[in-house]
Amino acid sequence: MKQAEKEGQVREKMAENSGGLQPWLLCVDNILLDVAYEMPNNKFWQEVEVEPGLQYTATNEKLTKAALKVLKLSEGEYGCKLVSRTPGGCALNAARAANFYLKSLQELGTDSNICLENRVLNMGCVGSDEPAETIIKCHEDEGVLHDLHRESAALTGVCAVTIVDSARTCIGILDACEKYPTSHMKKVLSPNSSTLDSLQCLYTTGFFSEVNNEAVLLMAQHALNHDKIFAYNFAAESQFKDYKKEYLEILPYCDFVICNAEEAAACHKYMGVELGMELGTGGEEERIEKSEEKLKMIAEKVVCSRKINKKRPRVMVITDSEKKVVVAVGPSGGEGQGVLSFGVELPSLD
């Protein structure tokens, strides 16, 4: 049986279980197999001359070699310990979390007249190799709907991850991710698509803007035309530096903007002038303070920047490890005054 026929049967089975293929949330991004090691220190990164604690895309020979070296580590080398080999990428992680939450509500009997399972659809591009099969099996095992473009001549993307204490260093080798075709997005968002009637929210990330910003704009325009929620996750600092134009182009469409404190600081550093912040020259040596008050200021400027759909305010969410989550809600008209920002204490896991 051909792979396409097998995937079609899986989709039909999922559709039967959900009373029809009716996703509420569409997540699109680079899909990667994350290979993560715990390490006692950053000696490895010092040797390969890569600054630890950051996220990278392997856009040059040095980063590619460093990522491949991580992927080939033997247990105990540099004191490392393999902790996981799991499907990942921002949107897939979000899709799995949203699906888990909805399934949990279903199991608790919340509003039992509405089916909450199989309401999340994930998209991206993978190869035709073992990592791709691992990723597809993850979707099927967890009940996450998927419509993945298969690029047989490319390798499924991988992300080399090390964890020192709680600090993660990540380098993604994209390969198949970079082959995602705009035609696939056009097919999914075409008027004849069976998924559109139920779709309420479209979510993607700055990492996907790197590989196909045209597809991101198609998502944003669809959300605008049909008054659906468009949510965008800022990516790593290097993305702000290299894709500032794309970020500024997509921001007016955003109903929700999500990022962590480092990404918020990068937003200030590289887009501060355009967003009306006091600093933000984009200078290489510029360092942005990441206090709660500074993060609130950044969030307030982002939610008050130009917004095309004025039917709902923009919301920005900034996480900062175990510290308070900063949330800002813009004015209902999309621009002007009336912003609300606050910190949210995370519950203890003890």
Protein backbone atom coordinates (compact mmCIF):
# COMPACT_ATOMS: atom_id res chain seq x y z
CA MET A 1 0.00 0.00 0.00
CA LYS A 2 1.33 3.41 -0.95
CA GLN A 3 2.10 5.85 1.89
CA ALA A 4 -0.47 8.37 0.60
CA GLU A 5 -3.23 5.71 0.65
CA LYS A 6 -2.26 4.64 4.17
CA GLU A 7 -2.39 8.25 5.43
CA GLY A 8 -5.74 8.73 3.70
CA GLN A 9 -7.16 5.76 5.58
CA VAL A 10 -5.86 7.14 8.87
CA ARG A 11 -7.57 10.49 8.15
CA GLU A 12 -10.84 8.71 7.30
CA LYS A 13 -10.68 6.72 10.55
CA MET A 14 -10.03 9.89 12.54
CA ALA A 15 -12.91 11.60 10.75
CA GLU A 16 -15.26 8.76 11.67
CA ASN A 17 -14.22 8.98 15.32
CA SER A 18 -14.84 12.74 15.44
CA GLY A 19 -18.09 12.77 13.53
CA GLY A 20 -16.30 14.23 10.49
CA LEU A 21 -12.95 15.95 10.05
CA GLN A 22 -13.79 19.09 12.03
CA PRO A 23 -10.69 20.59 13.65
CA TRP A 24 -10.96 23.76 15.70
CA LEU A 25 -7.25 24.53 15.86
CA LEU A 26 -4.74 24.46 12.98
CA CYS A 27 -1.05 24.37 13.95
CA VAL A 28 1.63 24.78 11.26
CA ASP A 29 5.39 24.86 11.72
CA ASN A 30 8.66 23.07 11.10
CA ILE A 31 8.25 19.49 12.33
CA LEU A 32 11.37 18.01 13.90
CA LEU A 33 12.52 14.95 15.78
CA ASP A 34 14.04 16.32 19.00
CA VAL A 35 17.04 14.42 20.35
CA ALA A 36 17.88 15.72 23.83
CA TYR A 37 20.84 15.10 26.13
CA GLU A 38 21.44 16.21 29.68
CA MET A 39 24.96 17.55 30.30
CA PRO A 40 26.72 18.58 33.52
CA ASN A 41 28.21 21.74 31.98
CA ASN A 42 28.70 23.70 28.74
CA LYS A 43 32.17 22.36 27.91
CA PHE A 44 30.86 20.90 24.64
CA TRP A 45 29.52 24.26 23.44
CA GLN A 46 32.72 26.03 24.43
CA GLU A 47 34.70 23.61 22.28
CA VAL A 48 32.46 24.09 19.21
CA GLU A 49 32.35 27.88 19.86
CA VAL A 50 28.56 28.19 20.06
CA GLU A 51 26.93 30.33 22.75
CA PRO A 52 24.84 28.01 24.96
CA GLY A 53 21.31 28.56 26.19
CA LEU A 54 19.92 29.76 22.85
CA GLN A 55 17.91 28.36 19.93
CA TYR A 56 19.46 28.18 16.49
CA THR A 57 18.66 27.07 12.99
CA ALA A 58 21.64 25.41 11.29
CA THR A 59 22.15 28.09 8.65
CA ASN A 60 25.93 27.77 8.43
CA GLU A 61 28.61 25.10 8.49
CA LYS A 62 29.62 25.70 12.12
CA LEU A 63 26.09 25.23 13.47
CA THR A 64 25.43 22.23 11.23
CA LYS A 65 28.63 20.51 12.39
CA ALA A 66 27.80 21.26 16.05
CA ALA A 67 24.29 19.80 15.68
CA LEU A 68 25.53 16.67 13.94
CA LYS A 69 28.16 16.21 16.65
CA VAL A 70 25.42 16.33 19.31
CA LEU A 71 23.34 13.79 17.40
CA LYS A 72 26.32 11.40 17.25
CA LEU A 73 27.22 11.64 20.96
CA SER A 74 27.84 8.40 22.80
CA GLU A 75 26.32 7.91 26.24
CA GLY A 76 28.69 9.42 28.80
CA GLU A 77 30.65 11.53 26.31
CA TYR A 78 31.01 15.01 27.84
CA GLY A 79 29.09 13.45 30.74
CA CYS A 80 25.94 13.37 28.61
CA LYS A 81 22.84 11.25 29.13
CA LEU A 82 20.19 10.73 26.43
CA VAL A 83 16.87 11.82 27.96
CA SER A 84 14.46 11.85 25.02
CA ARG A 85 13.97 11.25 21.33
CA THR A 86 10.58 12.69 20.61
CA PRO A 87 8.65 14.53 17.89
CA GLY A 88 8.80 18.29 18.38
CA GLY A 89 8.74 21.76 16.93
CA CYS A 90 6.78 24.66 18.43
CA ALA A 91 3.50 23.99 16.64
CA LEU A 92 3.55 20.22 17.13
CA ASN A 93 4.23 20.75 20.83
CA ALA A 94 1.32 23.19 20.97
CA ALA A 95 -0.92 20.81 19.03
CA ARG A 96 -0.15 17.92 21.37
CA ALA A 97 -0.75 20.08 24.45
CA ALA A 98 -4.05 21.46 23.13
CA ASN A 99 -5.20 17.98 22.13
CA PHE A 100 -4.29 16.60 25.57
CA TYR A 101 -6.23 19.42 27.26
CA LEU A 102 -9.34 18.88 25.15
CA LYS A 103 -9.24 15.10 25.63
CA SER A 104 -8.90 15.63 29.38
CA LEU A 105 -11.99 17.84 29.38
CA GLN A 106 -13.84 15.16 27.42
CA GLU A 107 -12.85 12.50 29.93
CA LEU A 108 -14.01 14.72 32.78
CA GLY A 109 -17.44 14.90 31.14
CA THR A 110 -17.33 18.63 30.41
CA ASP A 111 -20.22 19.49 28.08
CA SER A 112 -20.63 15.90 26.94
CA ASN A 113 -22.84 16.92 24.00
CA ILE A 114 -19.76 18.29 22.18
CA CYS A 115 -17.02 16.01 20.93
CA LEU A 116 -13.68 17.44 22.11
CA GLU A 117 -11.46 14.76 20.60
CA ASN A 118 -9.71 15.07 17.23
CA ARG A 119 -10.14 18.83 17.19
CA VAL A 120 -6.49 19.73 16.53
CA LEU A 121 -4.92 19.56 13.06
CA ASN A 122 -1.14 19.77 12.63
CA MET A 123 0.67 20.48 9.36
CA GLY A 124 4.22 20.71 8.10
CA CYS A 125 6.68 18.86 5.89
CA VAL A 126 8.57 15.62 6.60
CA GLY A 127 10.61 13.16 4.57
CA SER A 128 9.99 9.48 3.91
CA ASP A 129 12.33 8.08 6.54
CA GLU A 130 12.25 6.54 10.02
CA PRO A 131 12.00 9.88 11.89
CA ALA A 132 8.95 10.73 9.74
CA GLU A 133 7.29 7.44 10.71
CA THR A 134 8.02 8.17 14.39
CA ILE A 135 6.39 11.59 14.03
CA ILE A 136 3.32 10.22 12.23
CA LYS A 137 2.90 7.46 14.82
CA CYS A 138 2.97 10.11 17.56
CA HIS A 139 0.08 11.93 15.88
CA GLU A 140 -1.92 8.74 15.48
CA ASP A 141 -1.26 7.45 19.00
CA GLU A 142 -2.35 10.73 20.58
CA GLY A 143 -5.26 11.46 18.25
CA VAL A 144 -3.79 14.62 16.71
CA LEU A 145 -5.09 15.06 13.17
CA HIS A 146 -2.33 15.55 10.63
CA ASP A 147 -1.98 16.63 7.03
CA LEU A 148 1.76 16.41 6.41
CA HIS A 149 3.40 17.09 3.08
CA ARG A 150 5.89 14.31 2.31
CA GLU A 151 9.10 15.25 0.52
CA SER A 152 10.66 11.90 -0.38
CA ALA A 153 13.97 13.38 -1.55
CA ALA A 154 14.59 15.19 1.76
CA LEU A 155 15.39 14.11 5.31
CA THR A 156 12.95 14.81 8.12
CA GLY A 157 14.16 17.71 10.24
CA VAL A 158 15.98 17.03 13.50
CA CYS A 159 16.77 19.22 16.48
CA ALA A 160 19.89 18.62 18.58
CA VAL A 161 19.17 19.63 22.18
CA THR A 162 21.33 19.77 25.29
CA ILE A 163 20.12 20.62 28.77
CA VAL A 164 22.44 22.03 31.42
CA ASP A 165 20.51 22.58 34.64
CA SER A 166 17.34 24.09 33.14
CA ALA A 167 19.01 25.89 30.22
CA ARG A 168 18.36 24.39 26.78
CA THR A 169 20.59 24.82 23.73
CA CYS A 170 18.90 23.80 20.49
CA ILE A 171 20.09 23.61 16.88
CA GLY A 172 17.57 22.59 14.25
CA ILE A 173 18.60 21.01 10.93
CA LEU A 174 15.53 21.70 8.79
CA ASP A 175 16.03 19.94 5.43
CA ALA A 176 12.47 18.65 4.66
CA CYS A 177 10.96 21.53 6.64
CA GLU A 178 12.38 23.96 4.10
CA LYS A 179 10.56 22.14 1.28
CA TYR A 180 7.03 22.92 2.51
CA PRO A 181 5.10 24.06 -0.60
CA THR A 182 2.70 26.99 -0.66
CA SER A 183 0.39 24.84 -2.79
CA HIS A 184 -0.25 22.58 0.21
CA MET A 185 -1.49 25.52 2.29
CA LYS A 186 -3.64 26.75 -0.60
CA LYS A 187 -5.26 23.31 -0.84
CA VAL A 188 -6.07 23.20 2.88
CA LEU A 189 -7.45 26.75 2.88
CA SER A 190 -9.33 26.45 -0.42
CA PRO A 191 -13.11 27.09 -0.39
CA ASN A 192 -13.67 23.39 -1.18
CA SER A 193 -11.70 22.18 1.84
CA SER A 194 -13.73 20.13 4.31
CA THR A 195 -11.76 21.46 7.30
CA LEU A 196 -12.63 25.15 7.04
CA ASP A 197 -16.16 25.28 8.45
CA SER A 198 -15.12 24.15 11.92
CA LEU A 199 -11.72 25.89 12.04
CA GLN A 200 -11.64 28.66 14.65
CA CYS A 201 -7.96 29.37 15.29
CA LEU A 202 -4.80 29.28 13.16
CA TYR A 203 -1.42 29.12 14.91
CA THR A 204 2.10 29.31 13.52
CA THR A 205 5.55 30.59 14.46
CA GLY A 206 8.46 32.74 13.43
CA PHE A 207 10.40 29.59 12.59
CA PHE A 208 7.86 28.81 9.87
CA SER A 209 8.16 32.35 8.50
CA GLU A 210 11.79 31.48 7.86
CA VAL A 211 10.92 28.63 5.48
CA ASN A 212 7.67 29.85 3.87
CA ASN A 213 6.40 33.29 4.84
CA GLU A 214 4.01 33.20 1.88
CA ALA A 215 2.17 30.31 3.55
CA VAL A 216 2.11 32.24 6.85
CA LEU A 217 0.52 35.22 5.10
CA LEU A 218 -2.09 32.91 3.54
CA MET A 219 -3.02 31.74 7.05
CA ALA A 220 -3.16 35.31 8.35
CA GLN A 221 -5.27 36.53 5.43
CA HIS A 222 -7.67 33.60 5.78
CA ALA A 223 -8.11 34.35 9.48
CA LEU A 224 -8.75 38.02 8.68
CA ASN A 225 -11.22 37.33 5.87
CA HIS A 226 -13.24 34.87 7.97
CA ASP A 227 -12.85 36.59 11.37
CA LYS A 228 -10.93 33.69 12.89
CA ILE A 229 -8.20 33.91 15.51
CA PHE A 230 -4.65 34.17 14.21
CA ALA A 231 -1.97 33.33 16.80
CA TYR A 232 1.75 33.79 16.21
CA ASN A 233 4.68 32.58 18.29
CA PHE A 234 7.82 34.72 18.08
CA ALA A 235 11.00 32.72 17.51
CA ALA A 236 14.61 33.00 18.64
CA GLU A 237 16.67 36.22 18.65
CA SER A 238 18.39 35.32 15.38
CA GLN A 239 14.99 35.29 13.68
CA PHE A 240 14.34 38.92 14.67
CA LYS A 241 17.69 39.89 13.27
CA ASP A 242 17.32 38.03 9.97
CA TYR A 243 13.55 38.18 9.44
CA LYS A 244 12.57 41.54 10.88
CA LYS A 245 10.75 42.50 7.67
CA GLU A 246 8.61 39.34 7.80
CA TYR A 247 7.82 39.88 11.51
CA LEU A 248 6.69 43.45 10.93
CA GLU A 249 4.62 42.29 7.96
CA ILE A 250 2.78 39.61 9.92
CA LEU A 251 2.28 41.47 13.24
CA PRO A 252 -0.74 43.58 12.12
CA TYR A 253 -2.69 40.34 11.52
CA CYS A 254 -1.95 38.86 14.96
CA ASP A 255 -4.72 38.39 17.53
CA PHE A 256 -2.38 36.57 19.91
CA VAL A 257 1.40 36.95 20.17
CA ILE A 258 3.29 34.43 22.30
CA CYS A 259 6.96 34.37 23.28
CA ASN A 260 9.42 33.95 26.15
CA ALA A 261 11.39 36.69 27.90
CA GLU A 262 14.46 36.30 25.65
CA GLU A 263 12.31 36.61 22.53
CA ALA A 264 10.51 39.64 23.99
CA ALA A 265 13.88 41.28 24.61
CA ALA A 266 14.87 40.51 21.01
CA CYS A 267 11.63 42.10 19.83
CA HIS A 268 12.60 45.24 21.76
CA LYS A 269 16.15 45.15 20.45
CA TYR A 270 15.37 44.75 16.76
CA MET A 271 11.82 46.13 16.41
CA GLY A 272 11.70 48.66 19.24
CA VAL A 273 11.96 51.72 16.98
CA GLU A 274 9.06 50.56 14.79
CA LEU A 275 6.94 49.77 17.86
CA GLY A 276 7.62 53.07 19.62
CA MET A 277 9.92 51.83 22.39
CA GLU A 278 12.62 54.02 23.92
CA LEU A 279 15.41 51.66 22.88
CA GLY A 280 15.67 49.07 20.16
CA THR A 281 18.43 50.09 17.80
CA GLY A 282 19.31 46.50 16.98
CA GLY A 283 22.94 47.05 17.85
CA GLU A 284 24.93 43.87 18.45
CA GLU A 285 26.01 44.96 21.93
CA GLU A 286 22.60 46.18 23.05
CA ARG A 287 21.26 44.31 26.07
CA ILE A 288 17.60 44.59 27.03
CA GLU A 289 16.55 44.30 30.67
CA LYS A 290 14.07 41.46 31.28
CA SER A 291 12.43 42.58 34.53
CA GLU A 292 8.68 42.11 34.88
CA GLU A 293 8.11 45.84 34.38
CA LYS A 294 10.24 45.89 31.24
CA LEU A 295 8.41 42.87 29.84
CA LYS A 296 5.08 44.59 30.57
CA MET A 297 6.27 47.64 28.65
CA ILE A 298 7.26 45.50 25.66
CA ALA A 299 3.93 43.65 25.73
CA GLU A 300 1.98 46.91 25.94
CA LYS A 301 3.76 48.33 22.90
CA VAL A 302 3.15 45.16 20.91
CA VAL A 303 -0.58 44.96 21.68
CA CYS A 304 -1.05 48.65 20.89
CA SER A 305 0.71 48.47 17.53
CA ARG A 306 -1.29 48.51 14.30
CA LYS A 307 -3.93 45.77 14.05
CA ILE A 308 -5.99 45.10 10.93
CA ASN A 309 -8.88 43.16 12.49
CA LYS A 310 -10.34 45.56 15.03
CA LYS A 311 -13.14 43.23 16.13
CA ARG A 312 -11.04 41.91 19.00
CA PRO A 313 -8.06 43.24 21.01
CA ARG A 314 -4.60 41.79 20.61
CA VAL A 315 -3.26 39.70 23.49
CA MET A 316 0.43 39.09 24.17
CA VAL A 317 1.72 36.37 26.50
CA ILE A 318 5.35 36.35 27.68
CA THR A 319 6.70 33.43 29.69
CA ASP A 320 9.88 33.57 31.76
CA SER A 321 10.73 30.14 33.09
CA GLU A 322 9.28 29.76 36.58
CA LYS A 323 8.69 33.51 36.99
CA LYS A 324 5.40 35.31 36.48
CA VAL A 325 3.76 35.07 33.06
CA VAL A 326 3.24 38.58 31.67
CA VAL A 327 -0.06 39.11 29.84
CA ALA A 328 -1.09 42.29 28.03
CA VAL A 329 -4.50 42.94 26.46
CA GLY A 330 -4.81 45.73 23.94
CA PRO A 331 -7.68 48.17 23.48
CA SER A 332 -10.86 46.78 21.95
CA GLY A 333 -10.51 49.00 18.89
CA GLY A 334 -7.13 47.51 18.07
CA GLU A 335 -5.17 50.75 18.55
CA GLY A 336 -4.82 53.59 21.03
CA GLN A 337 -5.04 53.57 24.82
CA GLY A 338 -6.67 51.23 27.31
CA VAL A 339 -4.06 48.49 27.47
CA LEU A 340 -4.12 46.10 30.43
CA SER A 341 -0.99 44.23 31.51
CA PHE A 342 -0.43 41.98 34.52
CA GLY A 343 1.71 39.14 35.85
CA VAL A 344 0.34 35.69 36.54
CA GLU A 345 1.87 33.46 39.20
CA LEU A 346 2.44 29.88 38.04
CA PRO A 347 1.09 27.12 40.34
CA SER A 348 3.65 25.14 42.27
CA LEU A 349 4.40 21.63 40.99
CA ASP A 350 5.40 20.41 44.45
